[in-house]
N, C-alpha and C. Protein backbone atom coordinates (compact mmCIF):
# COMPACT_ATOMS: atom_id res chain seq x y z
N MET A 1 166.91 127.58 84.26
CA MET A 1 167.02 126.30 85.24
C MET A 1 165.77 126.63 86.24
N LEU A 2 165.63 127.84 86.65
CA LEU A 2 164.55 128.50 87.80
C LEU A 2 163.48 128.24 87.42
N LYS A 3 163.49 128.47 85.77
CA LYS A 3 162.15 128.05 84.76
C LYS A 3 161.90 127.09 84.72
N LYS A 4 162.17 125.74 84.81
CA LYS A 4 162.10 124.58 84.82
C LYS A 4 161.65 124.57 86.35
N TYR A 5 162.09 124.32 87.08
CA TYR A 5 162.00 124.40 88.48
C TYR A 5 160.46 125.17 88.36
N LEU A 6 159.68 126.23 87.95
CA LEU A 6 158.90 126.97 88.31
C LEU A 6 157.68 125.68 87.78
N VAL A 7 158.07 125.59 86.53
CA VAL A 7 156.59 125.00 85.82
C VAL A 7 156.44 123.47 86.31
N THR A 8 157.63 122.75 86.45
CA THR A 8 157.29 121.59 87.58
C THR A 8 156.81 121.53 88.52
N GLY A 9 157.20 122.69 89.40
CA GLY A 9 156.30 122.93 90.75
C GLY A 9 154.71 123.41 90.20
N ILE A 10 154.68 123.62 89.44
CA ILE A 10 153.10 124.40 88.56
C ILE A 10 152.43 123.22 88.76
N VAL A 11 152.49 122.12 88.13
CA VAL A 11 152.27 120.85 86.97
C VAL A 11 152.48 119.95 88.32
N LEU A 12 153.24 120.04 89.34
CA LEU A 12 152.91 119.25 90.49
C LEU A 12 151.75 119.17 91.71
N GLY A 13 151.62 121.02 91.66
CA GLY A 13 150.63 121.64 92.15
C GLY A 13 149.34 121.53 92.03
N ALA A 14 149.08 121.83 90.26
CA ALA A 14 147.42 120.94 89.66
C ALA A 14 147.25 119.72 90.39
N LEU A 15 148.51 118.60 90.17
CA LEU A 15 148.16 117.03 90.16
C LEU A 15 147.89 117.20 91.17
N PHE A 16 148.43 117.52 92.53
CA PHE A 16 147.83 117.81 93.99
C PHE A 16 146.58 117.87 94.34
N LEU A 17 146.24 119.18 93.83
CA LEU A 17 144.80 119.73 93.40
C LEU A 17 143.38 118.44 93.26
N THR A 18 144.09 118.45 91.71
CA THR A 18 142.88 117.72 91.38
C THR A 18 142.51 116.29 92.01
N GLY A 19 144.02 115.79 92.84
CA GLY A 19 143.86 114.31 93.40
C GLY A 19 142.73 115.11 94.72
N CYS A 20 142.79 116.05 95.07
CA CYS A 20 142.28 116.46 95.97
C CYS A 20 140.44 116.69 96.29
N ASN A 21 140.98 116.83 95.31
CA ASN A 21 139.50 117.24 94.14
C ASN A 21 138.28 116.02 94.13
N ASN A 22 139.39 115.20 93.27
CA ASN A 22 138.77 113.54 93.10
C ASN A 22 138.41 113.14 94.59
N ASP A 23 139.40 113.05 95.61
CA ASP A 23 138.65 112.82 97.13
C ASP A 23 137.99 112.62 97.60
N ASN A 24 137.60 114.56 97.53
CA ASN A 24 136.62 115.30 97.87
C ASN A 24 135.59 114.77 97.71
N GLU A 25 135.26 114.39 96.05
CA GLU A 25 133.87 113.91 95.72
C GLU A 25 133.85 112.98 95.41
N ALA A 26 135.00 111.59 95.55
CA ALA A 26 134.64 110.34 96.11
C ALA A 26 134.09 110.11 97.49
N ALA A 27 134.23 111.12 98.11
CA ALA A 27 133.90 111.10 99.93
C ALA A 27 132.44 111.73 100.30
N SER A 28 132.26 112.59 99.22
CA SER A 28 131.05 113.10 100.00
C SER A 28 129.74 112.70 98.91
N PRO A 29 128.78 112.05 99.51
CA PRO A 29 127.66 111.33 99.12
C PRO A 29 127.14 112.37 97.71
N GLN A 30 126.55 111.85 96.83
CA GLN A 30 125.86 112.58 95.94
C GLN A 30 124.41 112.60 96.75
N SER A 31 124.11 114.04 96.57
CA SER A 31 123.29 114.80 96.86
C SER A 31 121.61 114.31 96.64
N THR A 32 120.76 114.39 96.95
CA THR A 32 119.12 113.65 96.53
C THR A 32 118.14 114.67 96.46
N SER A 33 117.30 114.90 95.65
CA SER A 33 116.33 116.15 95.93
C SER A 33 115.20 115.41 96.93
N VAL A 34 113.99 116.32 97.30
CA VAL A 34 113.25 116.13 98.09
C VAL A 34 112.50 115.21 97.65
N ASP A 35 111.92 115.44 96.26
CA ASP A 35 111.06 114.65 95.50
C ASP A 35 111.59 113.08 94.78
N GLU A 36 112.80 113.13 95.48
CA GLU A 36 113.46 111.70 94.66
C GLU A 36 113.75 110.65 95.93
N GLN A 37 113.85 112.17 97.27
CA GLN A 37 113.39 110.43 98.43
C GLN A 37 112.55 110.58 98.72
N ILE A 38 111.49 111.26 98.56
CA ILE A 38 109.87 110.68 98.41
C ILE A 38 109.61 109.53 97.92
N LYS A 39 109.98 109.50 96.49
CA LYS A 39 109.66 108.70 95.23
C LYS A 39 110.56 107.40 96.02
N GLU A 40 111.70 107.49 96.68
CA GLU A 40 112.31 106.09 96.96
C GLU A 40 111.50 105.49 98.45
N LYS A 41 111.45 106.32 99.13
CA LYS A 41 110.63 106.19 100.08
C LYS A 41 109.41 105.58 99.96
N GLU A 42 108.29 105.71 99.08
CA GLU A 42 107.07 105.12 98.65
C GLU A 42 107.40 103.77 97.73
N SER A 43 108.19 103.52 97.07
CA SER A 43 108.59 102.79 96.48
C SER A 43 109.16 101.33 97.20
N VAL A 44 109.93 101.75 98.35
CA VAL A 44 110.40 101.45 99.23
C VAL A 44 108.87 100.65 100.25
N MET A 45 108.32 101.39 100.34
CA MET A 45 107.14 100.98 101.41
C MET A 45 105.85 100.18 100.27
N ALA A 46 105.60 100.84 99.08
CA ALA A 46 104.92 99.84 98.71
C ALA A 46 104.39 98.27 98.72
N PRO A 47 103.81 97.71 99.09
CA PRO A 47 103.35 96.91 98.38
C PRO A 47 103.64 95.59 96.96
N VAL A 48 104.31 94.81 97.06
CA VAL A 48 105.03 94.12 95.90
C VAL A 48 103.72 93.26 95.46
N PRO A 49 102.94 93.84 94.19
CA PRO A 49 101.92 92.89 93.60
C PRO A 49 102.58 91.48 93.04
N LEU A 50 101.13 90.50 93.96
CA LEU A 50 101.80 88.82 93.84
C LEU A 50 101.69 88.35 91.65
N VAL A 51 102.43 87.18 92.04
CA VAL A 51 101.88 86.72 90.47
C VAL A 51 101.35 85.97 90.87
N LEU A 52 100.11 85.87 90.46
CA LEU A 52 99.07 84.56 90.83
C LEU A 52 98.39 83.44 89.33
N THR A 53 98.38 82.58 89.83
CA THR A 53 97.56 81.92 88.69
C THR A 53 96.40 82.33 88.84
N LEU A 54 95.20 81.42 87.98
CA LEU A 54 93.74 81.54 87.63
C LEU A 54 93.15 81.19 89.30
N ALA A 55 94.05 79.76 89.53
CA ALA A 55 93.07 79.37 90.80
C ALA A 55 93.23 80.38 92.15
N GLN A 56 94.82 80.76 92.27
CA GLN A 56 94.59 81.48 93.57
C GLN A 56 94.14 82.36 93.02
N LYS A 57 94.16 83.36 91.85
CA LYS A 57 93.61 84.89 92.08
C LYS A 57 91.84 84.49 92.84
N GLU A 58 91.50 83.42 92.38
CA GLU A 58 89.95 83.24 92.58
C GLU A 58 89.92 82.71 94.30
N GLN A 59 90.83 82.05 95.01
CA GLN A 59 91.14 81.89 96.44
C GLN A 59 91.45 82.95 96.46
N TYR A 60 92.58 83.87 96.31
CA TYR A 60 92.81 85.37 97.07
C TYR A 60 91.55 86.23 96.42
N TYR A 61 90.49 86.24 95.71
CA TYR A 61 88.97 87.20 95.46
C TYR A 61 88.48 86.96 96.85
N LYS A 62 88.04 85.33 97.11
CA LYS A 62 87.23 84.99 98.20
C LYS A 62 87.97 85.80 99.45
N GLU A 63 89.34 85.84 99.47
CA GLU A 63 89.64 86.30 100.79
C GLU A 63 89.58 87.80 101.34
N TYR A 64 89.41 88.40 99.91
CA TYR A 64 89.27 89.84 99.69
C TYR A 64 87.87 90.29 100.30
N SER A 65 87.08 89.10 100.08
CA SER A 65 85.54 89.66 100.14
C SER A 65 85.73 88.74 101.19
N THR A 66 86.18 87.96 102.00
CA THR A 66 85.80 88.15 103.77
C THR A 66 86.47 89.61 104.85
N ILE A 67 87.72 90.25 103.62
CA ILE A 67 88.10 91.00 104.16
C ILE A 67 87.86 92.11 104.41
N VAL A 68 86.37 92.49 103.33
CA VAL A 68 85.81 93.66 103.11
C VAL A 68 84.77 93.68 103.82
N ASN A 69 84.08 92.52 103.30
CA ASN A 69 82.76 91.74 104.96
C ASN A 69 83.29 92.51 106.34
N GLN A 70 84.13 92.08 107.38
CA GLN A 70 85.06 92.58 108.42
C GLN A 70 84.63 93.77 108.59
N LEU A 71 85.63 94.25 107.77
CA LEU A 71 85.70 96.23 107.95
C LEU A 71 84.63 96.63 107.50
N ASN A 72 83.58 96.36 106.62
CA ASN A 72 82.43 97.23 106.82
C ASN A 72 81.58 96.85 108.01
N GLU A 73 81.58 95.57 108.53
CA GLU A 73 81.04 95.48 109.67
C GLU A 73 81.80 96.15 111.08
N GLU A 74 83.19 95.92 110.74
CA GLU A 74 83.49 96.96 112.21
C GLU A 74 83.64 97.92 112.00
N TYR A 75 83.96 98.71 110.59
CA TYR A 75 83.54 100.28 110.31
C TYR A 75 82.56 100.82 110.06
N GLY A 76 81.57 100.13 109.55
CA GLY A 76 80.67 100.86 109.20
C GLY A 76 80.84 101.48 107.55
N THR A 77 81.74 100.98 107.47
CA THR A 77 82.45 101.29 105.88
C THR A 77 81.30 100.83 104.75
N GLY A 78 80.80 101.04 102.81
CA GLY A 78 80.25 100.62 102.97
C GLY A 78 81.25 100.24 101.39
N PHE A 79 82.24 99.20 101.66
CA PHE A 79 83.37 98.97 100.67
C PHE A 79 82.78 97.68 99.98
N LYS A 80 83.20 97.98 98.64
CA LYS A 80 82.45 97.11 97.83
C LYS A 80 83.52 96.22 96.69
N LEU A 81 83.56 95.33 96.48
CA LEU A 81 85.08 94.21 95.92
C LEU A 81 84.58 94.52 94.39
N ASP A 82 84.94 95.24 93.62
CA ASP A 82 85.05 95.16 92.34
C ASP A 82 85.00 93.75 91.61
N PRO A 83 84.08 93.38 90.59
CA PRO A 83 84.29 92.46 89.72
C PRO A 83 86.20 91.64 89.83
N ILE A 84 85.65 90.77 89.56
CA ILE A 84 87.38 90.02 89.56
C ILE A 84 87.92 90.08 87.89
N THR A 85 86.89 90.07 86.83
CA THR A 85 87.00 90.59 85.51
C THR A 85 87.75 91.91 85.62
N THR A 86 87.53 92.83 86.57
CA THR A 86 88.23 93.92 86.50
C THR A 86 89.44 94.19 86.97
N PHE A 87 90.10 93.60 87.97
CA PHE A 87 91.31 93.30 88.37
C PHE A 87 92.75 93.63 87.53
N SER A 88 93.42 94.30 87.31
CA SER A 88 95.00 94.47 86.85
C SER A 88 95.87 93.68 88.13
N ALA A 89 96.48 93.16 87.00
CA ALA A 89 98.16 92.88 87.69
C ALA A 89 98.67 93.30 88.89
N ASP A 90 98.44 94.31 88.88
CA ASP A 90 98.97 94.89 90.65
C ASP A 90 98.22 94.86 91.13
N TYR A 91 96.92 94.62 91.53
CA TYR A 91 95.69 94.86 92.84
C TYR A 91 96.13 93.11 93.28
N TRP A 92 96.76 92.47 92.74
CA TRP A 92 96.67 91.32 93.64
C TRP A 92 97.68 91.45 94.44
N LEU A 93 97.24 91.73 95.90
CA LEU A 93 98.33 92.09 97.21
C LEU A 93 98.31 90.70 98.29
N GLU A 94 99.05 90.49 99.07
CA GLU A 94 99.25 90.23 100.14
C GLU A 94 98.60 90.17 100.93
N LEU A 95 97.45 89.23 101.85
CA LEU A 95 95.82 89.59 102.70
C LEU A 95 96.24 90.79 103.50
N ASN A 96 97.71 90.87 104.15
CA ASN A 96 97.76 91.46 105.08
C ASN A 96 97.94 92.86 104.52
N ASP A 97 98.57 93.05 103.56
CA ASP A 97 99.06 94.48 102.57
C ASP A 97 97.56 94.81 101.89
N PHE A 98 96.42 94.47 101.74
CA PHE A 98 95.33 94.61 101.43
C PHE A 98 94.55 95.30 101.59
N GLU A 99 94.40 94.09 103.48
CA GLU A 99 93.75 95.16 104.45
C GLU A 99 94.17 96.12 104.96
N ASP A 100 95.63 96.31 105.14
CA ASP A 100 96.42 97.33 105.75
C ASP A 100 95.99 98.88 104.43
N MET A 101 95.69 98.33 103.37
CA MET A 101 95.51 98.89 102.00
C MET A 101 93.99 99.89 102.37
N LEU A 102 92.94 99.26 102.81
CA LEU A 102 91.55 99.39 102.79
C LEU A 102 91.53 100.34 104.27
N LYS A 103 92.29 99.96 105.22
CA LYS A 103 91.96 100.69 106.31
C LYS A 103 92.67 102.19 106.43
N GLY A 104 93.85 102.43 105.43
CA GLY A 104 93.42 103.06 105.19
C GLY A 104 93.33 104.41 104.60
N ARG A 105 92.05 103.61 104.14
CA ARG A 105 90.53 104.54 102.94
C ARG A 105 89.89 104.73 104.18
N ILE A 106 89.29 104.53 104.80
CA ILE A 106 88.80 104.44 106.12
C ILE A 106 88.76 105.98 106.59
N ASP A 107 90.06 106.92 106.95
CA ASP A 107 89.73 107.80 107.30
C ASP A 107 89.67 108.94 106.00
N THR A 108 88.60 108.95 106.14
CA THR A 108 88.49 109.93 104.35
C THR A 108 87.64 111.58 104.72
N SER A 109 88.44 112.36 103.77
CA SER A 109 87.99 113.77 103.77
C SER A 109 87.94 114.56 102.64
N PHE A 110 87.23 115.65 102.43
CA PHE A 110 87.65 116.35 101.16
C PHE A 110 87.63 117.80 101.57
N VAL A 111 88.25 118.54 100.74
CA VAL A 111 88.61 120.08 100.60
C VAL A 111 88.05 120.21 98.91
N VAL A 112 87.52 121.60 99.37
CA VAL A 112 86.62 122.30 97.65
C VAL A 112 88.07 123.37 97.65
N VAL A 113 89.16 123.09 96.87
CA VAL A 113 89.14 124.81 96.25
C VAL A 113 88.63 125.27 96.06
N ASP A 114 89.52 127.00 96.32
CA ASP A 114 88.08 127.85 96.29
C ASP A 114 88.97 128.26 94.45
N ASN A 115 87.91 128.72 94.02
CA ASN A 115 88.39 129.37 92.34
C ASN A 115 88.97 130.64 92.37
N LYS A 116 89.85 131.02 91.64
CA LYS A 116 90.56 132.13 92.10
C LYS A 116 90.12 132.79 90.80
N GLU A 117 89.92 132.26 89.60
CA GLU A 117 88.97 133.04 88.60
C GLU A 117 87.36 133.30 88.44
N ILE A 118 87.15 133.78 87.93
CA ILE A 118 85.59 134.17 87.26
C ILE A 118 85.17 133.86 86.22
N PHE A 119 84.23 132.77 85.98
CA PHE A 119 84.09 132.06 84.90
C PHE A 119 82.55 132.34 84.37
N SER A 120 82.59 132.07 83.26
CA SER A 120 81.25 132.05 82.12
C SER A 120 80.56 130.77 83.51
N PRO A 121 78.43 131.29 83.18
CA PRO A 121 78.11 130.35 83.27
C PRO A 121 78.00 129.22 82.77
N VAL A 122 78.59 128.78 81.65
CA VAL A 122 78.44 127.99 80.63
C VAL A 122 79.05 126.49 81.20
N LYS A 123 80.42 126.89 81.86
CA LYS A 123 80.97 126.12 82.20
C LYS A 123 81.76 126.12 83.47
N VAL A 124 81.56 125.60 84.60
CA VAL A 124 82.41 126.39 85.96
C VAL A 124 83.18 125.00 86.18
N PRO A 125 84.21 125.37 86.64
CA PRO A 125 85.27 124.27 87.07
C PRO A 125 85.25 124.19 88.29
N LYS A 126 85.27 122.93 89.19
CA LYS A 126 85.91 123.30 90.86
C LYS A 126 86.64 121.55 90.94
N LEU A 127 87.98 122.06 91.72
CA LEU A 127 88.83 121.22 92.29
C LEU A 127 88.50 120.54 93.66
N VAL A 128 88.02 119.28 93.97
CA VAL A 128 87.80 118.60 95.00
C VAL A 128 89.15 117.95 95.42
N LYS A 129 90.28 118.14 96.51
CA LYS A 129 91.10 117.11 97.07
C LYS A 129 90.42 115.98 97.59
N LEU A 130 90.39 114.83 97.53
CA LEU A 130 89.92 113.58 98.06
C LEU A 130 91.05 113.23 98.62
N HIS A 131 91.07 113.03 99.93
CA HIS A 131 92.08 112.52 101.31
C HIS A 131 91.49 111.25 101.78
N MET A 132 92.25 110.23 101.53
CA MET A 132 92.28 108.87 101.92
C MET A 132 93.36 108.65 102.87
N GLY A 133 93.67 108.86 104.18
CA GLY A 133 94.73 108.53 104.78
C GLY A 133 96.04 109.31 104.04
N SER A 134 97.12 108.41 103.56
CA SER A 134 98.08 109.60 102.73
C SER A 134 97.98 110.13 101.46
N HIS A 135 97.10 109.16 100.83
CA HIS A 135 96.32 108.64 99.66
C HIS A 135 95.59 109.94 99.13
N GLN A 136 95.69 111.00 98.12
CA GLN A 136 94.42 111.80 97.64
C GLN A 136 94.79 111.50 95.85
N THR A 137 93.52 112.30 95.76
CA THR A 137 92.92 111.73 94.43
C THR A 137 92.74 113.67 94.59
N ILE A 138 92.46 113.81 93.39
CA ILE A 138 91.67 115.55 92.46
C ILE A 138 90.50 114.87 91.82
N ILE A 139 89.49 115.68 92.06
CA ILE A 139 88.66 115.12 91.48
C ILE A 139 87.90 116.70 90.89
N ARG A 140 87.66 116.64 89.87
CA ARG A 140 87.06 118.53 88.90
C ARG A 140 85.32 117.63 88.83
N VAL A 141 84.87 119.24 89.38
CA VAL A 141 83.94 119.17 88.86
C VAL A 141 83.49 119.70 88.15
N ASP A 142 82.34 120.35 87.28
CA ASP A 142 81.84 121.16 86.06
C ASP A 142 80.89 121.45 86.26
N GLY A 143 80.10 122.82 86.26
CA GLY A 143 78.84 122.86 86.61
C GLY A 143 78.76 123.65 85.29
N SER A 144 76.91 123.55 84.95
CA SER A 144 76.58 124.65 83.57
C SER A 144 75.36 124.91 84.20
N PHE A 145 75.12 126.45 83.95
CA PHE A 145 74.09 127.60 84.67
C PHE A 145 73.81 128.18 83.68
N ASP A 146 72.55 129.13 83.61
CA ASP A 146 71.82 130.10 83.59
C ASP A 146 72.21 131.27 84.62
N THR A 147 71.77 132.62 84.41
CA THR A 147 71.94 133.06 85.31
C THR A 147 70.99 134.43 84.07
N GLN A 148 70.23 135.58 85.28
CA GLN A 148 69.25 136.38 84.53
C GLN A 148 69.38 137.51 85.55
N LEU A 149 68.69 138.78 84.86
CA LEU A 149 69.05 139.98 85.38
C LEU A 149 67.82 140.19 86.58
N SER A 150 68.15 140.28 87.52
CA SER A 150 66.92 140.42 88.89
C SER A 150 66.51 141.63 88.98
N LYS A 151 65.49 142.43 88.95
CA LYS A 151 65.15 143.68 89.26
C LYS A 151 64.39 143.98 90.68
N ASP A 152 64.01 142.92 91.21
CA ASP A 152 63.94 142.99 92.05
C ASP A 152 65.07 143.77 93.36
N ILE A 153 65.74 143.08 93.22
CA ILE A 153 67.09 143.52 94.06
C ILE A 153 67.41 145.39 93.64
N PRO A 154 67.47 146.17 94.86
CA PRO A 154 67.65 147.33 94.30
C PRO A 154 68.91 147.57 93.54
N GLY A 155 68.89 148.06 92.48
CA GLY A 155 70.13 148.20 91.34
C GLY A 155 70.05 147.79 90.41
N GLY A 156 69.59 146.40 90.53
CA GLY A 156 69.28 145.22 89.83
C GLY A 156 71.16 144.29 89.80
N ARG A 157 71.12 143.30 89.64
CA ARG A 157 72.12 142.02 89.65
C ARG A 157 71.53 140.91 89.10
N GLN A 158 72.75 140.02 88.62
CA GLN A 158 72.57 138.67 88.05
C GLN A 158 72.34 137.99 88.98
N LEU A 159 71.56 136.61 88.60
CA LEU A 159 70.92 135.98 89.63
C LEU A 159 71.13 134.69 89.13
N PHE A 160 71.11 133.15 89.47
CA PHE A 160 71.19 131.92 89.30
C PHE A 160 69.91 131.85 88.55
N SER A 161 69.94 131.35 87.35
CA SER A 161 68.11 131.04 86.73
C SER A 161 67.83 129.67 87.02
N VAL A 162 68.91 128.71 86.49
CA VAL A 162 68.84 127.37 86.34
C VAL A 162 69.97 127.03 86.02
N MET A 163 69.86 125.33 86.73
CA MET A 163 71.68 124.96 86.63
C MET A 163 71.18 123.72 85.35
N HIS A 164 71.74 123.87 84.58
CA HIS A 164 71.88 122.43 83.40
C HIS A 164 72.19 121.18 83.59
N SER A 165 73.57 120.78 84.02
CA SER A 165 74.29 119.99 84.13
C SER A 165 74.92 120.07 85.43
N LEU A 166 75.96 119.13 85.46
CA LEU A 166 77.19 118.71 86.12
C LEU A 166 77.82 117.64 86.48
N SER A 167 78.95 117.50 86.20
CA SER A 167 79.31 116.12 85.54
C SER A 167 80.68 116.23 86.06
N SER A 168 81.74 115.16 86.73
CA SER A 168 82.86 115.00 88.14
C SER A 168 83.35 114.22 87.49
N LYS A 169 84.99 114.03 87.51
CA LYS A 169 85.89 112.91 86.81
C LYS A 169 87.30 113.12 87.70
N ILE A 170 88.23 112.29 87.66
CA ILE A 170 89.21 112.94 87.99
C ILE A 170 89.98 113.33 87.35
N GLU A 171 90.57 114.48 88.13
CA GLU A 171 91.99 115.58 87.57
C GLU A 171 93.43 115.08 87.78
N GLN A 172 93.45 114.64 88.48
CA GLN A 172 94.85 113.99 88.96
C GLN A 172 94.91 113.26 90.26
N GLY A 173 95.41 111.79 89.87
CA GLY A 173 95.82 110.73 91.05
C GLY A 173 95.20 109.58 90.33
N GLU A 174 95.39 108.43 91.33
CA GLU A 174 95.20 107.42 90.43
C GLU A 174 93.34 106.91 91.17
N GLY A 175 92.93 105.35 90.70
CA GLY A 175 92.53 105.19 90.60
C GLY A 175 90.87 105.72 89.49
N ASN A 176 89.42 105.13 90.00
CA ASN A 176 88.34 105.62 89.01
C ASN A 176 87.82 106.23 90.18
N TRP A 177 86.76 107.60 89.22
CA TRP A 177 85.90 108.01 90.36
C TRP A 177 84.18 107.74 89.13
N THR A 178 83.11 107.42 89.59
CA THR A 178 81.71 107.58 89.10
C THR A 178 80.95 107.88 89.70
N GLN A 179 80.39 109.31 89.43
CA GLN A 179 79.18 109.81 89.74
C GLN A 179 77.81 109.29 89.25
N THR A 180 77.28 109.08 90.87
CA THR A 180 76.31 108.34 90.99
C THR A 180 75.11 109.53 90.94
N GLY A 181 74.83 110.81 90.88
CA GLY A 181 73.98 111.51 91.06
C GLY A 181 74.26 112.94 91.82
N TYR A 182 73.28 113.90 92.00
CA TYR A 182 73.85 114.83 91.97
C TYR A 182 72.37 116.17 92.64
N ASP A 183 71.97 116.54 93.70
CA ASP A 183 71.59 117.06 94.51
C ASP A 183 71.77 118.33 94.34
N PRO A 184 71.09 119.37 93.70
CA PRO A 184 71.28 121.08 93.95
C PRO A 184 70.15 121.79 94.77
N ALA A 185 70.95 122.60 95.02
CA ALA A 185 69.35 123.62 96.28
C ALA A 185 70.36 125.18 95.77
N ILE A 186 69.58 125.79 95.18
CA ILE A 186 69.55 126.96 95.29
C ILE A 186 69.46 128.39 96.90
N LYS A 187 70.18 128.89 96.77
CA LYS A 187 70.01 129.69 98.08
C LYS A 187 70.45 130.93 98.09
N ASP A 188 70.78 131.68 99.37
CA ASP A 188 70.74 132.95 99.12
C ASP A 188 70.08 134.06 98.39
N GLN A 189 68.93 133.68 97.90
CA GLN A 189 68.12 134.35 96.85
C GLN A 189 68.37 134.25 95.30
N GLY A 190 69.58 133.23 95.60
CA GLY A 190 69.45 133.06 94.06
C GLY A 190 71.22 133.02 93.56
N SER A 191 71.89 133.47 94.54
CA SER A 191 73.46 134.02 94.12
C SER A 191 74.08 132.60 94.39
N ALA A 192 73.36 131.83 94.88
CA ALA A 192 74.21 130.67 94.92
C ALA A 192 73.62 129.16 94.80
N TYR A 193 74.40 128.56 94.87
CA TYR A 193 74.15 126.93 94.55
C TYR A 193 75.21 126.24 95.06
N ASN A 194 74.03 125.16 96.42
CA ASN A 194 74.68 124.03 96.71
C ASN A 194 74.79 122.86 96.64
N ILE A 195 75.67 122.10 96.10
CA ILE A 195 75.59 120.65 95.40
C ILE A 195 76.03 119.75 95.98
N THR A 196 74.57 119.21 96.34
CA THR A 196 75.58 117.18 97.01
C THR A 196 75.60 116.76 95.79
N ILE A 197 76.98 115.65 96.24
CA ILE A 197 77.30 115.12 94.22
C ILE A 197 77.81 113.40 95.02
N GLY A 198 76.92 112.35 94.73
CA GLY A 198 77.54 111.56 95.32
C GLY A 198 78.39 110.36 94.24
N GLY A 199 78.97 109.73 94.34
CA GLY A 199 79.97 108.93 93.09
C GLY A 199 80.74 107.36 94.38
N TYR A 200 81.15 106.78 93.36
CA TYR A 200 82.02 106.16 93.94
C TYR A 200 83.42 105.93 93.73
N TYR A 201 84.42 106.18 94.53
CA TYR A 201 85.79 105.66 94.13
C TYR A 201 86.58 104.22 93.97
N SER A 202 87.02 104.02 93.11
CA SER A 202 87.60 102.67 92.69
C SER A 202 88.93 102.96 92.94
N TYR A 203 89.73 102.45 94.01
CA TYR A 203 91.41 101.94 93.79
C TYR A 203 91.63 100.32 94.04
N ASN A 204 91.97 99.98 93.68
CA ASN A 204 93.08 98.34 93.84
C ASN A 204 91.83 97.42 94.17
N GLY A 205 91.28 97.60 93.33
CA GLY A 205 89.90 96.55 93.59
C GLY A 205 88.89 96.87 94.38
N VAL A 206 88.95 97.67 94.83
CA VAL A 206 87.56 98.49 95.94
C VAL A 206 86.83 99.21 96.05
N SER A 207 86.20 99.60 95.69
CA SER A 207 85.18 100.71 95.82
C SER A 207 84.23 101.31 96.89
N SER A 208 84.30 102.47 96.67
CA SER A 208 84.09 103.19 98.36
C SER A 208 83.22 104.14 97.68
N PRO A 209 82.12 104.19 98.47
CA PRO A 209 81.08 105.91 98.39
C PRO A 209 81.61 106.60 98.88
N HIS A 210 81.13 107.78 97.95
CA HIS A 210 81.26 109.06 98.83
C HIS A 210 80.53 110.29 98.71
N ILE A 211 80.46 111.32 99.76
CA ILE A 211 79.25 112.09 99.06
C ILE A 211 80.11 113.84 98.94
N ILE A 212 80.36 115.06 98.52
CA ILE A 212 81.19 115.77 97.84
C ILE A 212 79.83 116.88 98.30
N GLU A 213 80.24 117.75 98.94
CA GLU A 213 79.60 119.11 98.76
C GLU A 213 80.42 120.41 98.02
N VAL A 214 79.77 120.56 96.84
CA VAL A 214 80.70 122.32 96.30
C VAL A 214 79.29 123.03 96.36
N GLU A 215 80.08 124.30 96.77
CA GLU A 215 79.23 125.63 96.23
C GLU A 215 79.39 126.52 95.20
N TYR A 216 78.65 126.87 94.42
CA TYR A 216 78.96 128.04 93.30
C TYR A 216 78.62 129.31 93.69
N TYR A 217 79.06 130.47 93.20
CA TYR A 217 78.70 131.64 93.63
C TYR A 217 78.25 132.56 92.45
N CYS A 218 77.11 133.54 91.96
CA CYS A 218 77.06 134.25 91.61
C CYS A 218 76.98 135.64 91.90
N ASN A 219 77.99 136.55 91.13
CA ASN A 219 78.23 137.69 91.17
C ASN A 219 77.39 138.70 90.44
N ILE A 220 77.50 139.82 90.98
CA ILE A 220 76.42 140.95 90.47
C ILE A 220 76.55 140.52 88.80
N TYR A 221 77.70 140.37 88.22
CA TYR A 221 77.51 140.91 87.08
C TYR A 221 77.14 139.18 86.28
N GLY A 222 77.08 138.63 86.87
CA GLY A 222 77.40 136.73 86.14
C GLY A 222 77.76 136.43 86.05
N GLY A 223 79.47 136.51 86.72
CA GLY A 223 80.49 136.27 86.39
C GLY A 223 80.06 135.01 87.90
N ILE A 224 80.92 133.55 87.23
CA ILE A 224 80.38 132.31 88.40
C ILE A 224 81.71 131.72 89.17
N THR A 225 81.83 131.68 90.38
CA THR A 225 83.35 131.34 90.95
C THR A 225 82.98 130.03 91.81
């Protein structure tokens, strides 16, 4: 008889504890990672694209052009509206959302990420973080050089002898980057190259001009950073 009560007590205790756990699980909120919270916040804040007829798109495009011209005049920016034929479905925003998007791109800066590795002169990458308000795009720059041994320096060392080419493209982020040219300047007796890069960044149907400066360094053995 005692054994029967003991078994019954254990079963009831287990059921009670299970019920408590279920209640606690139901009462406690689901945990959300920081990344998920950021994505949820961005999805809430992101403007909803419009669904427009062809005639409506043409009218909105005219209004966008007016906004672009006004901002260029007010802030001295060089915004340029992309051709309407290049607009994708998510480019069509309410006028105030379109204007806010452009104003967010007025405050622009860039940071060149220092190379942690040493590369062959044939192809040397540089990463540039282009910041526009809260928006960030990473542009990859690839330079190609030759070096040669200089005997004019005591002990001798490798120095840049020529620059062959330089190209750049978006490595990470949205939008499109079009390089328009670059201006290289050799310095420090040939141990460094300072390069000014010009290009246009296109996002949400609007292009903006940007100037980026990068520097490449040649060590005594001909390795490039």
